[in-house]
């Protein structure tokens, strides 16, 4: 019997891994499109080099959180060297769990740094 998958066992994610999983939540992307979206979304604060990007993709693939897609765009829209990636169901569960973890951490920080009169008992 296959052991039950527990997303929390893979937390916390690195910021790069989280960014890649969030990027793939909208659908399949090739490596360069992932890199571009992350750079745009972060206002250029996170620009992944090839080693960082493809190292992270290898790790996420090995962990079963993403997989290479066999689906290809039409030939005139594609470059045969590109590899397209998509979230697995496990990857979707992990990115949701990480988002919940980060949300609770932000809520804690907001209550701790709120002005004294605005704090709840």
N, C-alpha and C. Protein backbone atom coordinates (compact mmCIF):
# COMPACT_ATOMS: atom_id res chain seq x y z
N UNK A 1 0.84 -1.18 0.00
CA UNK A 1 0.00 0.00 0.00
C UNK A 1 0.88 1.24 0.00
N UNK A 2 0.56 2.19 -0.86
CA UNK A 2 1.32 3.44 -0.99
C UNK A 2 1.07 4.31 0.24
N UNK A 3 2.15 4.86 0.85
CA UNK A 3 1.94 5.72 2.01
C UNK A 3 1.17 6.98 1.62
N UNK A 4 0.41 7.50 2.56
CA UNK A 4 -0.38 8.71 2.33
C UNK A 4 0.56 9.90 2.12
N UNK A 5 0.26 10.70 1.12
CA UNK A 5 1.05 11.88 0.82
C UNK A 5 0.67 12.99 1.80
N UNK A 6 1.67 13.59 2.44
CA UNK A 6 1.43 14.68 3.38
C UNK A 6 2.18 15.92 2.89
N UNK A 7 1.47 16.90 2.31
CA UNK A 7 2.12 18.09 1.79
C UNK A 7 3.00 18.80 2.81
N UNK A 8 2.59 18.79 4.06
CA UNK A 8 3.32 19.48 5.12
C UNK A 8 4.74 18.93 5.29
N UNK A 9 4.96 17.68 4.88
CA UNK A 9 6.29 17.08 5.00
C UNK A 9 7.31 17.76 4.08
N UNK A 10 6.84 18.48 3.06
CA UNK A 10 7.74 19.14 2.11
C UNK A 10 7.90 20.64 2.40
N UNK A 11 7.31 21.09 3.50
CA UNK A 11 7.38 22.51 3.87
C UNK A 11 8.48 22.75 4.88
N UNK A 12 9.01 23.95 4.92
CA UNK A 12 8.73 25.09 4.06
C UNK A 12 9.44 24.94 2.73
N UNK A 13 8.85 25.56 1.71
CA UNK A 13 9.47 25.59 0.39
C UNK A 13 10.45 26.75 0.33
N UNK A 14 11.44 26.62 -0.53
CA UNK A 14 12.30 27.78 -0.79
C UNK A 14 11.47 28.79 -1.58
N UNK A 15 11.88 30.04 -1.57
CA UNK A 15 11.11 31.04 -2.31
C UNK A 15 11.11 30.72 -3.81
N UNK A 16 12.21 30.21 -4.34
CA UNK A 16 12.28 29.87 -5.76
C UNK A 16 11.31 28.74 -6.09
N UNK A 17 11.28 27.71 -5.26
CA UNK A 17 10.36 26.60 -5.50
C UNK A 17 8.91 27.07 -5.43
N UNK A 18 8.60 27.91 -4.44
CA UNK A 18 7.25 28.43 -4.30
C UNK A 18 6.86 29.26 -5.53
N UNK A 19 7.75 30.12 -5.98
CA UNK A 19 7.48 30.96 -7.15
C UNK A 19 7.20 30.10 -8.39
N UNK A 20 7.98 29.05 -8.58
CA UNK A 20 7.78 28.18 -9.75
C UNK A 20 6.44 27.47 -9.67
N UNK A 21 6.10 26.94 -8.49
CA UNK A 21 4.81 26.25 -8.34
C UNK A 21 3.65 27.21 -8.56
N UNK A 22 3.75 28.42 -8.02
CA UNK A 22 2.69 29.42 -8.23
C UNK A 22 2.55 29.72 -9.72
N UNK A 23 3.67 29.85 -10.39
CA UNK A 23 3.67 30.14 -11.83
C UNK A 23 2.93 29.03 -12.60
N UNK A 24 3.16 27.80 -12.22
CA UNK A 24 2.56 26.66 -12.93
C UNK A 24 1.10 26.42 -12.54
N UNK A 25 0.62 27.11 -11.51
CA UNK A 25 -0.78 26.94 -11.10
C UNK A 25 -1.73 27.40 -12.20
N UNK A 26 -1.29 28.32 -13.06
CA UNK A 26 -2.13 28.79 -14.16
C UNK A 26 -2.09 27.90 -15.39
N UNK A 27 -1.15 26.97 -15.43
CA UNK A 27 -1.06 26.08 -16.58
C UNK A 27 0.38 25.79 -16.94
N UNK A 28 0.54 25.00 -17.96
CA UNK A 28 1.87 24.56 -18.39
C UNK A 28 2.71 25.72 -18.89
N UNK A 29 4.01 25.63 -18.61
CA UNK A 29 4.96 26.64 -19.08
C UNK A 29 6.29 25.95 -19.38
N UNK A 30 7.05 26.54 -20.29
CA UNK A 30 8.42 26.08 -20.49
C UNK A 30 9.32 26.91 -19.60
N UNK A 31 10.56 26.47 -19.45
CA UNK A 31 11.48 27.10 -18.50
C UNK A 31 11.63 28.59 -18.68
N UNK A 32 11.83 29.05 -19.91
CA UNK A 32 12.04 30.48 -20.12
C UNK A 32 10.78 31.28 -19.77
N UNK A 33 9.60 30.73 -20.04
CA UNK A 33 8.36 31.42 -19.68
C UNK A 33 8.21 31.51 -18.17
N UNK A 34 8.63 30.47 -17.46
CA UNK A 34 8.62 30.50 -15.99
C UNK A 34 9.53 31.61 -15.50
N UNK A 35 10.74 31.65 -16.03
CA UNK A 35 11.73 32.67 -15.64
C UNK A 35 11.18 34.07 -15.88
N UNK A 36 10.60 34.30 -17.05
CA UNK A 36 10.05 35.61 -17.40
C UNK A 36 8.91 36.03 -16.49
N UNK A 37 7.98 35.11 -16.23
CA UNK A 37 6.83 35.43 -15.38
C UNK A 37 7.28 35.79 -13.97
N UNK A 38 8.22 35.04 -13.43
CA UNK A 38 8.69 35.32 -12.07
C UNK A 38 9.37 36.68 -12.02
N UNK A 39 10.19 36.98 -13.00
CA UNK A 39 10.86 38.29 -13.05
C UNK A 39 9.84 39.41 -13.14
N UNK A 40 8.82 39.24 -13.97
CA UNK A 40 7.78 40.27 -14.12
C UNK A 40 6.98 40.42 -12.83
N UNK A 41 6.56 39.31 -12.25
CA UNK A 41 5.72 39.35 -11.05
C UNK A 41 6.46 39.95 -9.87
N UNK A 42 7.77 39.76 -9.81
CA UNK A 42 8.55 40.28 -8.67
C UNK A 42 9.17 41.64 -8.99
N UNK A 43 8.81 42.22 -10.10
CA UNK A 43 9.36 43.51 -10.47
C UNK A 43 10.87 43.46 -10.66
N UNK A 44 11.37 42.29 -11.10
CA UNK A 44 12.79 42.13 -11.36
C UNK A 44 13.62 41.82 -10.12
N UNK A 45 12.97 41.73 -8.95
CA UNK A 45 13.73 41.43 -7.73
C UNK A 45 14.23 39.98 -7.70
N UNK A 46 13.55 39.11 -8.44
CA UNK A 46 13.99 37.72 -8.51
C UNK A 46 14.18 37.36 -9.97
N UNK A 47 15.42 37.35 -10.40
CA UNK A 47 15.78 36.98 -11.76
C UNK A 47 16.57 35.68 -11.67
N UNK A 48 15.99 34.61 -12.14
CA UNK A 48 16.62 33.30 -12.02
C UNK A 48 17.57 33.05 -13.18
N UNK A 49 18.77 32.65 -12.85
CA UNK A 49 19.71 32.21 -13.87
C UNK A 49 19.39 30.78 -14.26
N UNK A 50 19.99 30.29 -15.33
CA UNK A 50 19.68 28.93 -15.80
C UNK A 50 19.98 27.86 -14.74
N UNK A 51 21.08 28.00 -14.01
CA UNK A 51 21.42 27.00 -13.00
C UNK A 51 20.39 26.93 -11.89
N UNK A 52 19.97 28.10 -11.41
CA UNK A 52 18.95 28.15 -10.34
C UNK A 52 17.61 27.63 -10.83
N UNK A 53 17.21 28.08 -12.01
CA UNK A 53 15.92 27.68 -12.55
C UNK A 53 15.85 26.18 -12.81
N UNK A 54 16.81 25.67 -13.58
CA UNK A 54 16.74 24.26 -13.95
C UNK A 54 17.12 23.33 -12.80
N UNK A 55 17.92 23.81 -11.87
CA UNK A 55 18.17 23.03 -10.65
C UNK A 55 16.89 22.88 -9.84
N UNK A 56 16.14 23.97 -9.71
CA UNK A 56 14.87 23.92 -8.99
C UNK A 56 13.87 23.03 -9.71
N UNK A 57 13.81 23.14 -11.03
CA UNK A 57 12.90 22.29 -11.81
C UNK A 57 13.25 20.82 -11.62
N UNK A 58 14.54 20.49 -11.63
CA UNK A 58 14.96 19.09 -11.39
C UNK A 58 14.50 18.61 -10.02
N UNK A 59 14.67 19.44 -9.00
CA UNK A 59 14.29 19.06 -7.63
C UNK A 59 12.77 18.90 -7.53
N UNK A 60 12.02 19.84 -8.08
CA UNK A 60 10.56 19.75 -8.02
C UNK A 60 10.05 18.53 -8.78
N UNK A 61 10.72 18.19 -9.87
CA UNK A 61 10.35 16.99 -10.63
C UNK A 61 10.68 15.74 -9.82
N UNK A 62 11.86 15.69 -9.23
CA UNK A 62 12.26 14.54 -8.42
C UNK A 62 11.32 14.34 -7.22
N UNK A 63 10.83 15.45 -6.66
CA UNK A 63 9.90 15.37 -5.52
C UNK A 63 8.48 15.05 -5.95
N UNK A 64 8.23 14.99 -7.28
CA UNK A 64 6.90 14.66 -7.77
C UNK A 64 5.92 15.83 -7.74
N UNK A 65 6.42 17.06 -7.60
CA UNK A 65 5.53 18.22 -7.51
C UNK A 65 5.21 18.81 -8.88
N UNK A 66 6.11 18.61 -9.84
CA UNK A 66 5.84 18.99 -11.22
C UNK A 66 6.26 17.83 -12.10
N UNK A 67 5.80 17.86 -13.34
CA UNK A 67 6.20 16.83 -14.29
C UNK A 67 6.32 17.47 -15.66
N UNK A 68 7.11 16.82 -16.49
CA UNK A 68 7.22 17.29 -17.86
C UNK A 68 5.96 16.90 -18.60
N UNK A 69 5.46 17.83 -19.38
CA UNK A 69 4.23 17.60 -20.14
C UNK A 69 4.57 17.02 -21.50
N UNK A 70 3.73 16.13 -21.96
CA UNK A 70 3.90 15.59 -23.31
C UNK A 70 3.14 16.45 -24.32
N UNK A 71 2.26 17.30 -23.84
CA UNK A 71 1.48 18.19 -24.71
C UNK A 71 2.40 19.25 -25.30
N UNK A 72 2.30 19.48 -26.56
CA UNK A 72 3.13 20.48 -27.25
C UNK A 72 2.23 21.43 -28.01
N UNK A 73 2.63 22.70 -28.11
CA UNK A 73 1.88 23.63 -28.97
C UNK A 73 2.06 23.22 -30.44
N UNK A 74 1.31 23.84 -31.30
CA UNK A 74 1.47 23.58 -32.72
C UNK A 74 2.90 23.90 -33.12
N UNK A 75 3.41 23.16 -34.09
CA UNK A 75 4.82 23.26 -34.48
C UNK A 75 5.27 24.68 -34.79
N UNK A 76 4.44 25.46 -35.44
CA UNK A 76 4.86 26.82 -35.79
C UNK A 76 4.92 27.75 -34.57
N UNK A 77 4.37 27.33 -33.44
CA UNK A 77 4.40 28.11 -32.20
C UNK A 77 5.41 27.57 -31.20
N UNK A 78 6.12 26.53 -31.57
CA UNK A 78 6.96 25.80 -30.61
C UNK A 78 8.41 25.77 -31.06
N UNK A 79 9.26 25.51 -30.11
CA UNK A 79 10.68 25.24 -30.34
C UNK A 79 10.90 23.85 -29.76
N UNK A 80 11.34 22.93 -30.59
CA UNK A 80 11.44 21.53 -30.17
C UNK A 80 12.37 21.32 -28.98
N UNK A 81 13.25 22.27 -28.69
CA UNK A 81 14.15 22.14 -27.54
C UNK A 81 13.47 22.43 -26.22
N UNK A 82 12.35 23.10 -26.26
CA UNK A 82 11.65 23.47 -25.03
C UNK A 82 11.05 22.26 -24.35
N UNK A 83 11.08 22.31 -23.04
CA UNK A 83 10.41 21.31 -22.22
C UNK A 83 9.34 22.04 -21.45
N UNK A 84 8.13 21.52 -21.49
CA UNK A 84 7.00 22.14 -20.80
C UNK A 84 6.74 21.39 -19.51
N UNK A 85 6.38 22.15 -18.46
CA UNK A 85 6.16 21.57 -17.14
C UNK A 85 4.78 21.93 -16.65
N UNK A 86 4.23 21.05 -15.80
CA UNK A 86 2.93 21.29 -15.20
C UNK A 86 2.95 20.78 -13.76
N UNK A 87 2.04 21.33 -12.96
CA UNK A 87 1.87 20.87 -11.59
C UNK A 87 1.27 19.47 -11.57
N UNK A 88 1.68 18.68 -10.62
CA UNK A 88 1.01 17.42 -10.34
C UNK A 88 -0.03 17.70 -9.25
N UNK A 89 -0.87 16.74 -8.96
CA UNK A 89 -1.84 16.94 -7.87
C UNK A 89 -1.11 17.14 -6.54
N UNK A 90 0.02 16.45 -6.37
CA UNK A 90 0.81 16.64 -5.15
C UNK A 90 1.39 18.05 -5.10
N UNK A 91 1.85 18.55 -6.25
CA UNK A 91 2.39 19.90 -6.32
C UNK A 91 1.34 20.94 -5.97
N UNK A 92 0.13 20.73 -6.46
CA UNK A 92 -0.97 21.65 -6.16
C UNK A 92 -1.26 21.64 -4.66
N UNK A 93 -1.25 20.46 -4.04
CA UNK A 93 -1.50 20.36 -2.60
C UNK A 93 -0.38 21.05 -1.81
N UNK A 94 0.86 20.89 -2.25
CA UNK A 94 1.99 21.49 -1.54
C UNK A 94 1.97 23.01 -1.65
N UNK A 95 1.69 23.54 -2.85
CA UNK A 95 1.67 25.00 -3.00
C UNK A 95 0.52 25.60 -2.18
N UNK A 96 -0.61 24.92 -2.09
CA UNK A 96 -1.71 25.40 -1.26
C UNK A 96 -1.32 25.37 0.22
N UNK A 97 -0.66 24.31 0.64
CA UNK A 97 -0.23 24.20 2.05
C UNK A 97 0.80 25.27 2.38
N UNK A 98 1.72 25.54 1.46
CA UNK A 98 2.72 26.59 1.69
C UNK A 98 2.07 27.95 1.75
N UNK A 99 1.10 28.20 0.89
CA UNK A 99 0.38 29.49 0.91
C UNK A 99 -0.33 29.67 2.25
N UNK A 100 -0.94 28.61 2.76
CA UNK A 100 -1.62 28.68 4.07
C UNK A 100 -0.60 28.92 5.19
N UNK A 101 0.55 28.28 5.11
CA UNK A 101 1.59 28.47 6.12
C UNK A 101 2.07 29.92 6.11
N UNK A 102 2.32 30.45 4.92
CA UNK A 102 2.79 31.83 4.80
C UNK A 102 1.71 32.82 5.26
N UNK A 103 0.46 32.53 4.93
CA UNK A 103 -0.65 33.39 5.35
C UNK A 103 -0.71 33.48 6.87
N UNK A 104 -0.60 32.34 7.55
CA UNK A 104 -0.66 32.36 9.02
C UNK A 104 0.54 33.08 9.61
N UNK A 105 1.69 32.98 8.97
CA UNK A 105 2.87 33.69 9.43
C UNK A 105 2.70 35.20 9.27
N UNK A 106 2.14 35.62 8.16
CA UNK A 106 1.87 37.05 7.93
C UNK A 106 0.87 37.56 8.96
N UNK A 107 -0.19 36.79 9.22
CA UNK A 107 -1.18 37.20 10.21
C UNK A 107 -0.55 37.36 11.59
N UNK A 108 0.34 36.44 11.95
CA UNK A 108 1.04 36.54 13.23
C UNK A 108 1.89 37.81 13.27
N UNK A 109 2.63 38.07 12.22
CA UNK A 109 3.48 39.26 12.18
C UNK A 109 2.64 40.52 12.26
N UNK A 110 1.50 40.55 11.58
CA UNK A 110 0.64 41.72 11.62
C UNK A 110 0.12 41.98 13.02
N UNK A 111 -0.23 40.94 13.75
CA UNK A 111 -0.73 41.16 15.12
C UNK A 111 0.40 41.58 16.05
N UNK A 112 1.58 41.05 15.84
CA UNK A 112 2.71 41.41 16.71
C UNK A 112 3.22 42.82 16.47
N UNK A 113 3.09 43.31 15.24
CA UNK A 113 3.60 44.63 14.91
C UNK A 113 2.51 45.68 14.82
N UNK A 114 1.28 45.31 15.15
CA UNK A 114 0.18 46.28 15.13
C UNK A 114 0.37 47.27 16.28
N UNK A 115 -0.09 48.49 16.11
CA UNK A 115 -0.03 49.45 17.23
C UNK A 115 -0.76 48.88 18.44
N UNK A 116 -0.28 49.22 19.64
CA UNK A 116 -0.81 48.64 20.88
C UNK A 116 -2.33 48.78 20.98
N UNK A 117 -2.91 49.91 20.61
CA UNK A 117 -4.35 50.09 20.75
C UNK A 117 -5.15 49.24 19.74
N UNK A 118 -4.51 48.82 18.67
CA UNK A 118 -5.21 48.04 17.66
C UNK A 118 -5.11 46.54 17.93
N UNK A 119 -4.27 46.15 18.88
CA UNK A 119 -4.11 44.71 19.17
C UNK A 119 -5.34 44.16 19.86
N UNK A 120 -5.62 42.94 19.53
CA UNK A 120 -6.73 42.26 20.19
C UNK A 120 -6.21 41.57 21.44
N UNK A 121 -7.07 41.43 22.45
CA UNK A 121 -6.63 40.76 23.69
C UNK A 121 -6.33 39.30 23.47
